[in-house]
Each structure stands twice: as structure tokens, then as C-alpha cells.
Amino acid sequence: MRLFHKLGQFQQASANYNEAKSAGCDDDALLLNNGICEYSLGNLSESVHLLKLYTHENKTNFQGYYWLASAYYLQHKYAKSREALEAVFELNEKYAPAHFLDAAIHQSRKQYAAAVENFLEAYALDSTLEEARLQAGISLLDMQKNEEALTLFKEMLNPDNKAYVQALYYSGETSYLLKENDEACKYWKAAADAGDFDSKEIVRTWCENKKTPIFKIRSSRLKF
């Protein structure tokens, strides 16, 4: 069962979890893993049901509360998500993904200052979470704190960074908002060369033909 889960074969894993339950398996981990599996399949109501059962019997495992909070978040039930997160923080206050999720809730509620604070806290706890720094920069943009946002995006301009291309794009957008047009085109051209479609379009329309660029709502706002 866990092999299928780890391989990302969630449909098969879910079927196996249910077969084990029907056969009388009462391992509590079954509920947790099945709940995560249903979450991964997008079956959020079933995921919530299983994770609530798990957390009712396993109040000391923060993972159950974290995944419950994640499912509530995707259901746009932000108050319930934060309630589950409080349980996570009581058990493990240094769990970086929980701080990321907390920031995402603030971002969804347009509480951008709190979002920035929590995204950066997530990154401070786990420096592999470059997505957290990217989202902090996006929230700064939403607050029109363009200079601060640009500083953050420029700190991410390392080709080894998983969010490198996104950081290039947003460095371009922020430079444009700051009326630093040459710098904006430099960043967009680099992002275009790295395969970013939106940047290619902006280079064609703005940098080459001086038509007003159109900023699309990118998939990076917000991945979770």
C-alpha cells in the first residue's frame, strides 16, 4: 500500500487501504495514510472525514492535524484550517510546512503583512522552501512594497534555485513597476531564455515593440 502511495499511484493505494480496512486492519496509520491519499486525489470531503477520525484517536501526532488543515484550506474553510494548525503548533511549533500553510491562509484573506511574516518564518525554518520566499515577495507586491519585493526576488536569482525562473519573471515585473524598464527587460529576457512563456510574450510586446505588457495571473499565485 505504502509503495503505491510513495510512487504517486494514489488510486491504487486508496483501493488497497480500503481493502485492508474491510479485511479488519485497525492500524491507525491506515486512516492517516488513506486520508493523505484521498487528499492527493482531490477527494477532500473523504480526506477530511478520514483525518478527523485519525486525529480524534491520535491527538499527539501533528501530521494528522497538518493534513487536516491542508484539506480544509483547499475547501476554503480557512477558520477550520487555522484551528487545525493551532494543534500542529502546539505539538511542533517549528514545522515549516505548517507556517507556509498559515501564510497561505493569510494571503487568501488578503492579510498580506501576516502572509509575508509567516512565509519568511517558513523559509527560516527550512531553507529548501524557496517557494516560501517567492510567495513572500508576491505578497509584498500585493502591498505595493515594490522595493522590498525586488530585493527579495533578486536574492533568489541563483540558477540552482528551484524558483529561479519565477524569481526572474517577478524581478522583471517589479522593475517595470519601479519604472526601471531596461532592468525589467533584462530579467524578462533571461526568464524567456529559460523557457518562461509569459516572459517571452512580454519581451515580444513590450521590450521589442513597446506595447503595454499584460501581466497574467500566474499559476505561482499560489501553488499548494
C-alpha atoms as a PDB file:
ATOM      1  CA  MET A   1       0.000   0.000   0.000  1.00  0.00           C
ATOM      2  CA  ARG A   2       2.661   2.476   1.050  1.00  0.00           C
ATOM      3  CA  LEU A   3       4.722   1.541  -2.036  1.00  0.00           C
ATOM      4  CA  PHE A   4       1.881   2.655  -4.321  1.00  0.00           C
ATOM      5  CA  HIS A   5       1.464   5.792  -2.185  1.00  0.00           C
ATOM      6  CA  LYS A   6       5.159   6.669  -2.386  1.00  0.00           C
ATOM      7  CA  LEU A   7       5.146   6.061  -6.138  1.00  0.00           C
ATOM      8  CA  GLY A   8       2.272   8.520  -6.521  1.00  0.00           C
ATOM      9  CA  GLN A   9      -0.185   5.785  -7.571  1.00  0.00           C
ATOM     10  CA  PHE A  10      -2.852   7.179  -5.277  1.00  0.00           C
ATOM     11  CA  GLN A  11      -5.856   5.468  -6.860  1.00  0.00           C
ATOM     12  CA  GLN A  12      -4.319   2.026  -6.364  1.00  0.00           C
ATOM     13  CA  ALA A  13      -3.105   2.947  -2.889  1.00  0.00           C
ATOM     14  CA  SER A  14      -6.595   4.110  -1.894  1.00  0.00           C
ATOM     15  CA  ALA A  15      -8.118   0.851  -3.117  1.00  0.00           C
ATOM     16  CA  ASN A  16      -5.554  -1.122  -1.133  1.00  0.00           C
ATOM     17  CA  TYR A  17      -6.187   0.917   2.017  1.00  0.00           C
ATOM     18  CA  ASN A  18      -9.909   0.242   1.735  1.00  0.00           C
ATOM     19  CA  GLU A  19      -9.305  -3.469   1.164  1.00  0.00           C
ATOM     20  CA  ALA A  20      -7.146  -3.603   4.292  1.00  0.00           C
ATOM     21  CA  LYS A  21      -9.858  -1.847   6.292  1.00  0.00           C
ATOM     22  CA  SER A  22     -12.506  -4.287   5.014  1.00  0.00           C
ATOM     23  CA  ALA A  23     -10.238  -7.167   5.997  1.00  0.00           C
ATOM     24  CA  GLY A  24     -10.246  -5.923   9.586  1.00  0.00           C
ATOM     25  CA  CYS A  25      -6.982  -3.995   9.743  1.00  0.00           C
ATOM     26  CA  ASP A  26      -7.304  -1.478  12.601  1.00  0.00           C
ATOM     27  CA  ASP A  27      -3.868   0.180  12.323  1.00  0.00           C
ATOM     28  CA  ASP A  28      -4.419   3.899  12.970  1.00  0.00           C
ATOM     29  CA  ALA A  29      -1.749   4.741  10.392  1.00  0.00           C
ATOM     30  CA  LEU A  30      -4.153   3.343   7.816  1.00  0.00           C
ATOM     31  CA  LEU A  31      -6.513   6.255   8.436  1.00  0.00           C
ATOM     32  CA  LEU A  32      -3.727   8.817   8.182  1.00  0.00           C
ATOM     33  CA  ASN A  33      -2.215   7.406   5.001  1.00  0.00           C
ATOM     34  CA  ASN A  34      -5.609   6.910   3.387  1.00  0.00           C
ATOM     35  CA  GLY A  35      -6.579  10.458   4.344  1.00  0.00           C
ATOM     36  CA  ILE A  36      -3.423  11.802   2.701  1.00  0.00           C
ATOM     37  CA  CYS A  37      -4.070   9.617  -0.333  1.00  0.00           C
ATOM     38  CA  GLU A  38      -7.627  10.939  -0.745  1.00  0.00           C
ATOM     39  CA  TYR A  39      -6.246  14.476  -0.360  1.00  0.00           C
ATOM     40  CA  SER A  40      -3.784  13.797  -3.176  1.00  0.00           C
ATOM     41  CA  LEU A  41      -6.638  12.519  -5.346  1.00  0.00           C
ATOM     42  CA  GLY A  42      -8.633  15.676  -4.671  1.00  0.00           C
ATOM     43  CA  ASN A  43     -11.317  13.829  -2.709  1.00  0.00           C
ATOM     44  CA  LEU A  44     -11.303  16.473   0.010  1.00  0.00           C
ATOM     45  CA  SER A  45     -14.520  15.551   1.824  1.00  0.00           C
ATOM     46  CA  GLU A  46     -13.392  11.944   2.215  1.00  0.00           C
ATOM     47  CA  SER A  47      -9.933  13.139   3.222  1.00  0.00           C
ATOM     48  CA  VAL A  48     -11.387  15.371   5.946  1.00  0.00           C
ATOM     49  CA  HIS A  49     -13.579  12.515   7.186  1.00  0.00           C
ATOM     50  CA  LEU A  50     -10.632  10.116   7.496  1.00  0.00           C
ATOM     51  CA  LEU A  51      -8.269  12.667   9.023  1.00  0.00           C
ATOM     52  CA  LYS A  52     -10.851  13.739  11.603  1.00  0.00           C
ATOM     53  CA  LEU A  53     -11.204  10.100  12.631  1.00  0.00           C
ATOM     54  CA  TYR A  54      -7.438   9.809  12.859  1.00  0.00           C
ATOM     55  CA  THR A  55      -6.877  12.978  14.907  1.00  0.00           C
ATOM     56  CA  HIS A  56      -9.701  12.013  17.276  1.00  0.00           C
ATOM     57  CA  GLU A  57      -7.748   8.888  18.236  1.00  0.00           C
ATOM     58  CA  ASN A  58      -4.222  10.270  17.758  1.00  0.00           C
ATOM     59  CA  LYS A  59      -4.003  13.660  19.388  1.00  0.00           C
ATOM     60  CA  THR A  60      -0.209  13.690  19.702  1.00  0.00           C
ATOM     61  CA  ASN A  61       0.737  13.283  16.018  1.00  0.00           C
ATOM     62  CA  PHE A  62       0.956  16.717  14.415  1.00  0.00           C
ATOM     63  CA  GLN A  63       0.946  15.218  10.913  1.00  0.00           C
ATOM     64  CA  GLY A  64      -2.724  14.314  11.179  1.00  0.00           C
ATOM     65  CA  TYR A  65      -3.648  17.885  12.082  1.00  0.00           C
ATOM     66  CA  TYR A  66      -1.399  19.297   9.359  1.00  0.00           C
ATOM     67  CA  TRP A  67      -3.050  17.280   6.602  1.00  0.00           C
ATOM     68  CA  LEU A  68      -6.481  18.078   8.013  1.00  0.00           C
ATOM     69  CA  ALA A  69      -5.594  21.772   7.917  1.00  0.00           C
ATOM     70  CA  SER A  70      -4.378  21.353   4.321  1.00  0.00           C
ATOM     71  CA  ALA A  71      -7.646  19.729   3.247  1.00  0.00           C
ATOM     72  CA  TYR A  72      -9.700  22.447   4.922  1.00  0.00           C
ATOM     73  CA  TYR A  73      -7.551  25.076   3.179  1.00  0.00           C
ATOM     74  CA  LEU A  74      -8.329  23.637  -0.243  1.00  0.00           C
ATOM     75  CA  GLN A  75     -12.011  23.658   0.709  1.00  0.00           C
ATOM     76  CA  HIS A  76     -11.639  27.386   1.512  1.00  0.00           C
ATOM     77  CA  LYS A  77     -12.600  26.661   5.121  1.00  0.00           C
ATOM     78  CA  TYR A  78      -9.904  28.925   6.491  1.00  0.00           C
ATOM     79  CA  ALA A  79     -11.178  29.164  10.076  1.00  0.00           C
ATOM     80  CA  LYS A  80     -11.209  25.362  10.403  1.00  0.00           C
ATOM     81  CA  SER A  81      -7.815  25.160   8.735  1.00  0.00           C
ATOM     82  CA  ARG A  82      -6.314  27.584  11.247  1.00  0.00           C
ATOM     83  CA  GLU A  83      -7.930  25.677  14.130  1.00  0.00           C
ATOM     84  CA  ALA A  84      -6.184  22.506  12.970  1.00  0.00           C
ATOM     85  CA  LEU A  85      -2.937  24.436  12.535  1.00  0.00           C
ATOM     86  CA  GLU A  86      -3.093  25.607  16.128  1.00  0.00           C
ATOM     87  CA  ALA A  87      -2.979  21.941  17.140  1.00  0.00           C
ATOM     88  CA  VAL A  88       0.067  21.475  14.892  1.00  0.00           C
ATOM     89  CA  PHE A  89       1.897  24.401  16.501  1.00  0.00           C
ATOM     90  CA  GLU A  90       1.128  23.134  19.997  1.00  0.00           C
ATOM     91  CA  LEU A  91       2.803  19.846  19.081  1.00  0.00           C
ATOM     92  CA  ASN A  92       5.573  21.130  16.799  1.00  0.00           C
ATOM     93  CA  GLU A  93       5.967  24.885  16.541  1.00  0.00           C
ATOM     94  CA  LYS A  94       8.951  24.572  14.195  1.00  0.00           C
ATOM     95  CA  TYR A  95       7.228  22.598  11.436  1.00  0.00           C
ATOM     96  CA  ALA A  96       7.959  24.755   8.378  1.00  0.00           C
ATOM     97  CA  PRO A  97       5.143  23.488   6.098  1.00  0.00           C
ATOM     98  CA  ALA A  98       2.605  24.493   8.756  1.00  0.00           C
ATOM     99  CA  HIS A  99       3.969  28.043   8.772  1.00  0.00           C
ATOM    100  CA  PHE A 100       3.768  28.030   4.969  1.00  0.00           C
ATOM    101  CA  LEU A 101       0.126  26.941   5.139  1.00  0.00           C
ATOM    102  CA  ASP A 102      -0.607  29.576   7.780  1.00  0.00           C
ATOM    103  CA  ALA A 103       0.897  32.191   5.453  1.00  0.00           C
ATOM    104  CA  ALA A 104      -1.181  30.887   2.548  1.00  0.00           C
ATOM    105  CA  ILE A 105      -4.346  31.354   4.598  1.00  0.00           C
ATOM    106  CA  HIS A 106      -3.370  34.940   5.396  1.00  0.00           C
ATOM    107  CA  GLN A 107      -2.600  35.509   1.723  1.00  0.00           C
ATOM    108  CA  SER A 108      -6.010  34.137   0.709  1.00  0.00           C
ATOM    109  CA  ARG A 109      -7.619  36.540   3.175  1.00  0.00           C
ATOM    110  CA  LYS A 110      -5.560  39.429   1.721  1.00  0.00           C
ATOM    111  CA  GLN A 111      -3.747  39.794   5.045  1.00  0.00           C
ATOM    112  CA  TYR A 112      -0.510  40.347   3.209  1.00  0.00           C
ATOM    113  CA  ALA A 113       1.692  41.602   6.045  1.00  0.00           C
ATOM    114  CA  ALA A 114       0.946  38.491   8.104  1.00  0.00           C
ATOM    115  CA  ALA A 115       1.466  36.369   4.997  1.00  0.00           C
ATOM    116  CA  VAL A 116       4.942  37.830   4.425  1.00  0.00           C
ATOM    117  CA  GLU A 117       5.905  37.251   8.053  1.00  0.00           C
ATOM    118  CA  ASN A 118       4.813  33.624   8.027  1.00  0.00           C
ATOM    119  CA  PHE A 119       6.268  32.789   4.609  1.00  0.00           C
ATOM    120  CA  LEU A 120       9.629  34.110   5.763  1.00  0.00           C
ATOM    121  CA  GLU A 121       9.304  32.171   9.027  1.00  0.00           C
ATOM    122  CA  ALA A 122       8.736  29.005   6.996  1.00  0.00           C
ATOM    123  CA  TYR A 123      11.860  29.735   4.963  1.00  0.00           C
ATOM    124  CA  ALA A 124      13.876  30.478   8.108  1.00  0.00           C
ATOM    125  CA  LEU A 125      12.910  27.068   9.468  1.00  0.00           C
ATOM    126  CA  ASP A 126      13.595  25.236   6.205  1.00  0.00           C
ATOM    127  CA  SER A 127      15.823  26.945   3.647  1.00  0.00           C
ATOM    128  CA  THR A 128      14.792  24.427   0.966  1.00  0.00           C
ATOM    129  CA  LEU A 129      11.352  26.065   0.887  1.00  0.00           C
ATOM    130  CA  GLU A 130      12.277  28.619  -1.764  1.00  0.00           C
ATOM    131  CA  GLU A 131       8.590  28.752  -2.705  1.00  0.00           C
ATOM    132  CA  ALA A 132       8.031  30.465   0.648  1.00  0.00           C
ATOM    133  CA  ARG A 133      10.408  33.298  -0.253  1.00  0.00           C
ATOM    134  CA  LEU A 134       8.752  33.637  -3.652  1.00  0.00           C
ATOM    135  CA  GLN A 135       5.310  33.915  -2.065  1.00  0.00           C
ATOM    136  CA  ALA A 136       6.609  36.467   0.442  1.00  0.00           C
ATOM    137  CA  GLY A 137       7.782  38.577  -2.477  1.00  0.00           C
ATOM    138  CA  ILE A 138       4.413  38.226  -4.232  1.00  0.00           C
ATOM    139  CA  SER A 139       2.633  39.355  -1.069  1.00  0.00           C
ATOM    140  CA  LEU A 140       4.968  42.368  -0.868  1.00  0.00           C
ATOM    141  CA  LEU A 141       3.941  43.175  -4.447  1.00  0.00           C
ATOM    142  CA  ASP A 142       0.303  42.968  -3.389  1.00  0.00           C
ATOM    143  CA  MET A 143       1.132  45.504  -0.658  1.00  0.00           C
ATOM    144  CA  GLN A 144       2.830  47.704  -3.301  1.00  0.00           C
ATOM    145  CA  LYS A 145       6.101  47.400  -1.394  1.00  0.00           C
ATOM    146  CA  ASN A 146       7.932  47.048  -4.668  1.00  0.00           C
ATOM    147  CA  GLU A 147      11.460  47.876  -3.483  1.00  0.00           C
ATOM    148  CA  GLU A 148      11.281  45.250  -0.737  1.00  0.00           C
ATOM    149  CA  ALA A 149       9.804  42.727  -3.160  1.00  0.00           C
ATOM    150  CA  LEU A 150      12.574  43.314  -5.699  1.00  0.00           C
ATOM    151  CA  THR A 151      15.246  42.865  -3.042  1.00  0.00           C
ATOM    152  CA  LEU A 152      13.728  39.517  -2.128  1.00  0.00           C
ATOM    153  CA  PHE A 153      13.363  38.319  -5.716  1.00  0.00           C
ATOM    154  CA  LYS A 154      16.946  39.311  -6.544  1.00  0.00           C
ATOM    155  CA  GLU A 155      18.195  37.260  -3.573  1.00  0.00           C
ATOM    156  CA  MET A 156      16.679  34.232  -5.327  1.00  0.00           C
ATOM    157  CA  LEU A 157      18.481  34.698  -8.647  1.00  0.00           C
ATOM    158  CA  ASN A 158      20.593  31.588  -8.430  1.00  0.00           C
ATOM    159  CA  PRO A 159      20.193  29.096 -11.308  1.00  0.00           C
ATOM    160  CA  ASP A 160      20.295  26.260  -8.775  1.00  0.00           C
ATOM    161  CA  ASN A 161      17.232  27.697  -7.063  1.00  0.00           C
ATOM    162  CA  LYS A 162      14.042  25.770  -7.908  1.00  0.00           C
ATOM    163  CA  ALA A 163      12.166  29.075  -8.099  1.00  0.00           C
ATOM    164  CA  TYR A 164      14.847  30.759 -10.228  1.00  0.00           C
ATOM    165  CA  VAL A 165      12.719  31.296 -13.355  1.00  0.00           C
ATOM    166  CA  GLN A 166       9.787  32.578 -11.308  1.00  0.00           C
ATOM    167  CA  ALA A 167      12.123  34.958  -9.491  1.00  0.00           C
ATOM    168  CA  LEU A 168      13.418  36.241 -12.836  1.00  0.00           C
ATOM    169  CA  TYR A 169       9.881  36.895 -14.060  1.00  0.00           C
ATOM    170  CA  TYR A 170       8.853  38.733 -10.900  1.00  0.00           C
ATOM    171  CA  SER A 171      12.116  40.695 -10.852  1.00  0.00           C
ATOM    172  CA  GLY A 172      11.102  41.892 -14.301  1.00  0.00           C
ATOM    173  CA  GLU A 173       7.563  42.755 -13.253  1.00  0.00           C
ATOM    174  CA  THR A 174       8.743  44.587 -10.135  1.00  0.00           C
ATOM    175  CA  SER A 175      11.425  46.507 -12.041  1.00  0.00           C
ATOM    176  CA  TYR A 176       8.771  47.555 -14.554  1.00  0.00           C
ATOM    177  CA  LEU A 177       6.533  48.813 -11.745  1.00  0.00           C
ATOM    178  CA  LEU A 178       9.514  50.786 -10.449  1.00  0.00           C
ATOM    179  CA  LYS A 179       9.949  52.237 -13.988  1.00  0.00           C
ATOM    180  CA  GLU A 180      13.318  50.539 -14.384  1.00  0.00           C
ATOM    181  CA  ASN A 181      12.465  49.417 -17.901  1.00  0.00           C
ATOM    182  CA  ASP A 182      15.907  48.307 -19.081  1.00  0.00           C
ATOM    183  CA  GLU A 183      16.364  46.191 -15.977  1.00  0.00           C
ATOM    184  CA  ALA A 184      12.864  44.737 -16.408  1.00  0.00           C
ATOM    185  CA  CYS A 185      13.635  43.619 -19.950  1.00  0.00           C
ATOM    186  CA  LYS A 186      16.938  42.123 -18.827  1.00  0.00           C
ATOM    187  CA  TYR A 187      15.141  39.906 -16.305  1.00  0.00           C
ATOM    188  CA  TRP A 188      12.314  39.001 -18.687  1.00  0.00           C
ATOM    189  CA  LYS A 189      14.735  38.083 -21.461  1.00  0.00           C
ATOM    190  CA  ALA A 190      16.633  35.811 -19.057  1.00  0.00           C
ATOM    191  CA  ALA A 191      13.355  34.184 -17.976  1.00  0.00           C
ATOM    192  CA  ALA A 192      12.301  33.823 -21.617  1.00  0.00           C
ATOM    193  CA  ASP A 193      15.618  32.152 -22.442  1.00  0.00           C
ATOM    194  CA  ALA A 194      14.919  29.750 -19.564  1.00  0.00           C
ATOM    195  CA  GLY A 195      11.587  28.816 -21.157  1.00  0.00           C
ATOM    196  CA  ASP A 196       9.069  31.065 -19.372  1.00  0.00           C
ATOM    197  CA  PHE A 197       6.150  31.636 -21.762  1.00  0.00           C
ATOM    198  CA  ASP A 198       4.788  34.812 -20.125  1.00  0.00           C
ATOM    199  CA  SER A 199       8.224  36.406 -20.258  1.00  0.00           C
ATOM    200  CA  LYS A 200       8.558  35.542 -23.961  1.00  0.00           C
ATOM    201  CA  GLU A 201       5.273  37.326 -24.646  1.00  0.00           C
ATOM    202  CA  ILE A 202       6.302  40.410 -22.670  1.00  0.00           C
ATOM    203  CA  VAL A 203       9.677  40.565 -24.416  1.00  0.00           C
ATOM    204  CA  ARG A 204       7.867  40.449 -27.755  1.00  0.00           C
ATOM    205  CA  THR A 205       5.171  43.012 -26.890  1.00  0.00           C
ATOM    206  CA  TRP A 206       6.998  45.414 -24.562  1.00  0.00           C
ATOM    207  CA  CYS A 207      10.750  45.067 -24.871  1.00  0.00           C
ATOM    208  CA  GLU A 208      10.746  44.787 -28.664  1.00  0.00           C
ATOM    209  CA  ASN A 209       7.566  46.649 -29.717  1.00  0.00           C
ATOM    210  CA  LYS A 210       6.863  48.929 -26.728  1.00  0.00           C
ATOM    211  CA  LYS A 211       3.278  47.797 -26.339  1.00  0.00           C
ATOM    212  CA  THR A 212       1.958  47.835 -22.779  1.00  0.00           C
ATOM    213  CA  PRO A 213       2.699  44.448 -21.210  1.00  0.00           C
ATOM    214  CA  ILE A 214      -0.154  42.361 -19.887  1.00  0.00           C
ATOM    215  CA  PHE A 215       0.543  40.724 -16.536  1.00  0.00           C
ATOM    216  CA  LYS A 216      -1.369  37.470 -16.246  1.00  0.00           C
ATOM    217  CA  ILE A 217      -2.356  35.767 -13.019  1.00  0.00           C
ATOM    218  CA  ARG A 218       0.347  33.145 -12.963  1.00  0.00           C
ATOM    219  CA  SER A 219      -0.002  29.635 -11.622  1.00  0.00           C
ATOM    220  CA  SER A 220       2.569  30.584  -8.980  1.00  0.00           C
ATOM    221  CA  ARG A 221      -0.188  32.512  -7.154  1.00  0.00           C
ATOM    222  CA  LEU A 222      -0.462  30.207  -5.152  1.00  0.00           C
ATOM    223  CA  LYS A 223       0.734  26.643  -5.506  1.00  0.00           C
ATOM    224  CA  PHE A 224      -0.135  24.437  -2.606  1.00  0.00           C
END
